[in-house]
Structures are given as C-alpha cells and as structure tokens.
Amino acid sequence: MIKKAVRMKLYPGLKKEYAKRHNDLWPEMREMLKAHGAKSYSIFFDPETDFLFGYLEIEDEEKWAQTADTEINRKWWDYMEDVMDTNLDHSPVAVDLEQVFEL
C-alpha cells in the first residue's frame, strides 16, 4: 500500500459547501476512485489557513494517476472549481506532501 498526502486550498467561507459536496459524493465518482486503487481517502480542513489536507492509501501510483483522465473525474473538477483553488483545467492546485514520521 502507498500512502499519499496532498495540500489544497479552499476559498474562504466555503467549508460547509465543500463538505456538503463530498458528503453527497456521486456514486460513480466513488466507484471510479475505488476502481483506481483508492483504499482510503480522507480530507482535513485547517480553519486558520483554509488549507485542505488529503490523505490517501492507494495500490499503485500509475493506476492512481489514470484517475485524471476519467470523464467522471473531469466532471467533478468542473463541479468543484468554484469552491477551491484550481488549475486552468479545473484540477485542484495540489501540492504533494512528504511524509516525515510514522508511528
């Protein structure tokens, strides 16, 4: 299993909307994530900075990278573009975080 962590930026005041959209995650999005090897995926919010911290456990980096090319993922990016910092293709601006400790 591979552990990954990323940092993303939520627009101020939109935590409730962000959480609502994820609580109502489309079934086909959930299925796609699992089909591409996501075993666990959690997102945490820092209210002082509006940063989001995603933690994932995946099976394979190559398989996971293919999520970006799925139609449902691109639809999700378009849906989320108005609540968070995104790239020109509406993908979230995400910074990979380096693991420095594990117990």
C-alpha atoms as a PDB file:
ATOM      1  CA  MET A   1       0.000   0.000   0.000  1.00  0.00           C
ATOM      2  CA  ILE A   2       1.192   3.503  -0.850  1.00  0.00           C
ATOM      3  CA  LYS A   3       0.425   6.452   1.427  1.00  0.00           C
ATOM      4  CA  LYS A   4      -0.021   9.865  -0.146  1.00  0.00           C
ATOM      5  CA  ALA A   5      -0.789  13.286   1.283  1.00  0.00           C
ATOM      6  CA  VAL A   6      -1.638  16.480  -0.588  1.00  0.00           C
ATOM      7  CA  ARG A   7      -2.400  20.077   0.301  1.00  0.00           C
ATOM      8  CA  MET A   8      -5.102  22.043  -1.495  1.00  0.00           C
ATOM      9  CA  LYS A   9      -6.638  25.473  -0.909  1.00  0.00           C
ATOM     10  CA  LEU A  10     -10.305  26.135  -0.222  1.00  0.00           C
ATOM     11  CA  TYR A  11     -11.761  29.559  -0.910  1.00  0.00           C
ATOM     12  CA  PRO A  12     -12.622  31.381   2.354  1.00  0.00           C
ATOM     13  CA  GLY A  13     -16.035  30.719   3.834  1.00  0.00           C
ATOM     14  CA  LEU A  14     -16.794  27.667   1.715  1.00  0.00           C
ATOM     15  CA  LYS A  15     -16.020  24.811   4.116  1.00  0.00           C
ATOM     16  CA  LYS A  16     -19.701  23.894   4.569  1.00  0.00           C
ATOM     17  CA  GLU A  17     -20.290  23.779   0.823  1.00  0.00           C
ATOM     18  CA  TYR A  18     -17.106  21.760   0.256  1.00  0.00           C
ATOM     19  CA  ALA A  19     -18.097  19.274   2.956  1.00  0.00           C
ATOM     20  CA  LYS A  20     -21.669  19.049   1.624  1.00  0.00           C
ATOM     21  CA  ARG A  21     -20.460  18.194  -1.869  1.00  0.00           C
ATOM     22  CA  HIS A  22     -18.165  15.486  -0.525  1.00  0.00           C
ATOM     23  CA  ASN A  23     -20.827  14.095   1.801  1.00  0.00           C
ATOM     24  CA  ASP A  24     -23.013  13.793  -1.295  1.00  0.00           C
ATOM     25  CA  LEU A  25     -20.206  12.278  -3.392  1.00  0.00           C
ATOM     26  CA  TRP A  26     -21.594  10.911  -6.635  1.00  0.00           C
ATOM     27  CA  PRO A  27     -21.751   7.084  -6.621  1.00  0.00           C
ATOM     28  CA  GLU A  28     -19.926   6.917  -9.966  1.00  0.00           C
ATOM     29  CA  MET A  29     -17.106   9.067  -8.528  1.00  0.00           C
ATOM     30  CA  ARG A  30     -16.816   6.779  -5.507  1.00  0.00           C
ATOM     31  CA  GLU A  31     -16.733   3.732  -7.819  1.00  0.00           C
ATOM     32  CA  MET A  32     -14.055   5.297 -10.027  1.00  0.00           C
ATOM     33  CA  LEU A  33     -11.809   6.070  -7.037  1.00  0.00           C
ATOM     34  CA  LYS A  34     -12.083   2.508  -5.767  1.00  0.00           C
ATOM     35  CA  ALA A  35     -11.572   1.064  -9.254  1.00  0.00           C
ATOM     36  CA  HIS A  36      -8.325   3.029  -9.493  1.00  0.00           C
ATOM     37  CA  GLY A  37      -6.983   1.623  -6.254  1.00  0.00           C
ATOM     38  CA  ALA A  38      -8.087   4.027  -3.517  1.00  0.00           C
ATOM     39  CA  LYS A  39      -8.342   2.025  -0.312  1.00  0.00           C
ATOM     40  CA  SER A  40      -8.793   5.048   1.932  1.00  0.00           C
ATOM     41  CA  TYR A  41      -9.227   8.763   1.258  1.00  0.00           C
ATOM     42  CA  SER A  42      -9.681  11.415   3.948  1.00  0.00           C
ATOM     43  CA  ILE A  43      -9.626  15.189   3.678  1.00  0.00           C
ATOM     44  CA  PHE A  44      -8.966  17.508   6.620  1.00  0.00           C
ATOM     45  CA  PHE A  45      -9.552  21.269   6.888  1.00  0.00           C
ATOM     46  CA  ASP A  46      -7.375  23.879   8.624  1.00  0.00           C
ATOM     47  CA  PRO A  47      -9.662  26.801   9.583  1.00  0.00           C
ATOM     48  CA  GLU A  48      -6.739  29.172  10.178  1.00  0.00           C
ATOM     49  CA  THR A  49      -5.451  28.919   6.605  1.00  0.00           C
ATOM     50  CA  ASP A  50      -8.336  27.416   4.575  1.00  0.00           C
ATOM     51  CA  PHE A  51      -5.940  24.657   3.500  1.00  0.00           C
ATOM     52  CA  LEU A  52      -7.254  21.172   2.860  1.00  0.00           C
ATOM     53  CA  PHE A  53      -5.054  18.171   3.605  1.00  0.00           C
ATOM     54  CA  GLY A  54      -5.852  14.980   1.741  1.00  0.00           C
ATOM     55  CA  TYR A  55      -4.587  11.607   2.926  1.00  0.00           C
ATOM     56  CA  LEU A  56      -4.862   8.614   0.591  1.00  0.00           C
ATOM     57  CA  GLU A  57      -3.924   4.974   0.672  1.00  0.00           C
ATOM     58  CA  ILE A  58      -3.622   3.574  -2.836  1.00  0.00           C
ATOM     59  CA  GLU A  59      -2.486   0.361  -4.501  1.00  0.00           C
ATOM     60  CA  ASP A  60      -0.411   1.698  -7.382  1.00  0.00           C
ATOM     61  CA  GLU A  61       0.830   5.169  -8.426  1.00  0.00           C
ATOM     62  CA  GLU A  62       0.381   4.528 -12.162  1.00  0.00           C
ATOM     63  CA  LYS A  63      -3.158   3.251 -11.717  1.00  0.00           C
ATOM     64  CA  TRP A  64      -3.987   6.200  -9.461  1.00  0.00           C
ATOM     65  CA  ALA A  65      -2.583   8.717 -11.971  1.00  0.00           C
ATOM     66  CA  GLN A  66      -5.135   7.474 -14.518  1.00  0.00           C
ATOM     67  CA  THR A  67      -7.970   8.988 -12.463  1.00  0.00           C
ATOM     68  CA  ALA A  68      -7.156  12.373 -14.008  1.00  0.00           C
ATOM     69  CA  ASP A  69      -8.148  11.069 -17.433  1.00  0.00           C
ATOM     70  CA  THR A  70     -11.574   9.760 -16.478  1.00  0.00           C
ATOM     71  CA  GLU A  71     -14.700  11.588 -17.601  1.00  0.00           C
ATOM     72  CA  ILE A  72     -16.241  11.496 -14.117  1.00  0.00           C
ATOM     73  CA  ASN A  73     -13.132  12.998 -12.518  1.00  0.00           C
ATOM     74  CA  ARG A  74     -13.071  15.878 -15.003  1.00  0.00           C
ATOM     75  CA  LYS A  75     -16.781  16.449 -14.330  1.00  0.00           C
ATOM     76  CA  TRP A  76     -16.009  16.526 -10.576  1.00  0.00           C
ATOM     77  CA  TRP A  77     -13.195  19.053 -11.120  1.00  0.00           C
ATOM     78  CA  ASP A  78     -15.608  21.302 -13.018  1.00  0.00           C
ATOM     79  CA  TYR A  79     -18.133  20.948 -10.192  1.00  0.00           C
ATOM     80  CA  MET A  80     -15.563  21.876  -7.515  1.00  0.00           C
ATOM     81  CA  GLU A  81     -13.873  24.717  -9.414  1.00  0.00           C
ATOM     82  CA  ASP A  82     -15.945  27.439  -7.745  1.00  0.00           C
ATOM     83  CA  VAL A  83     -15.004  26.470  -4.168  1.00  0.00           C
ATOM     84  CA  MET A  84     -11.255  25.900  -4.360  1.00  0.00           C
ATOM     85  CA  ASP A  85      -8.026  26.999  -5.988  1.00  0.00           C
ATOM     86  CA  THR A  86      -7.741  25.239  -9.355  1.00  0.00           C
ATOM     87  CA  ASN A  87      -5.544  24.990 -12.411  1.00  0.00           C
ATOM     88  CA  LEU A  88      -6.678  26.034 -15.894  1.00  0.00           C
ATOM     89  CA  ASP A  89      -8.155  22.550 -16.487  1.00  0.00           C
ATOM     90  CA  HIS A  90     -10.116  22.919 -13.200  1.00  0.00           C
ATOM     91  CA  SER A  91      -7.999  20.285 -11.440  1.00  0.00           C
ATOM     92  CA  PRO A  92      -7.275  21.318  -7.866  1.00  0.00           C
ATOM     93  CA  VAL A  93      -3.962  23.002  -7.237  1.00  0.00           C
ATOM     94  CA  ALA A  94      -2.432  20.227  -5.153  1.00  0.00           C
ATOM     95  CA  VAL A  95       0.974  20.064  -3.522  1.00  0.00           C
ATOM     96  CA  ASP A  96       2.302  16.613  -2.655  1.00  0.00           C
ATOM     97  CA  LEU A  97       3.399  16.438   0.982  1.00  0.00           C
ATOM     98  CA  GLU A  98       6.426  14.484   2.146  1.00  0.00           C
ATOM     99  CA  GLN A  99       5.952  12.014   4.979  1.00  0.00           C
ATOM    100  CA  VAL A 100       8.479  12.677   7.727  1.00  0.00           C
ATOM    101  CA  PHE A 101       7.182  10.457  10.530  1.00  0.00           C
ATOM    102  CA  GLU A 102       5.034   7.410  11.166  1.00  0.00           C
ATOM    103  CA  LEU A 103       4.337   5.538  14.389  1.00  0.00           C
END
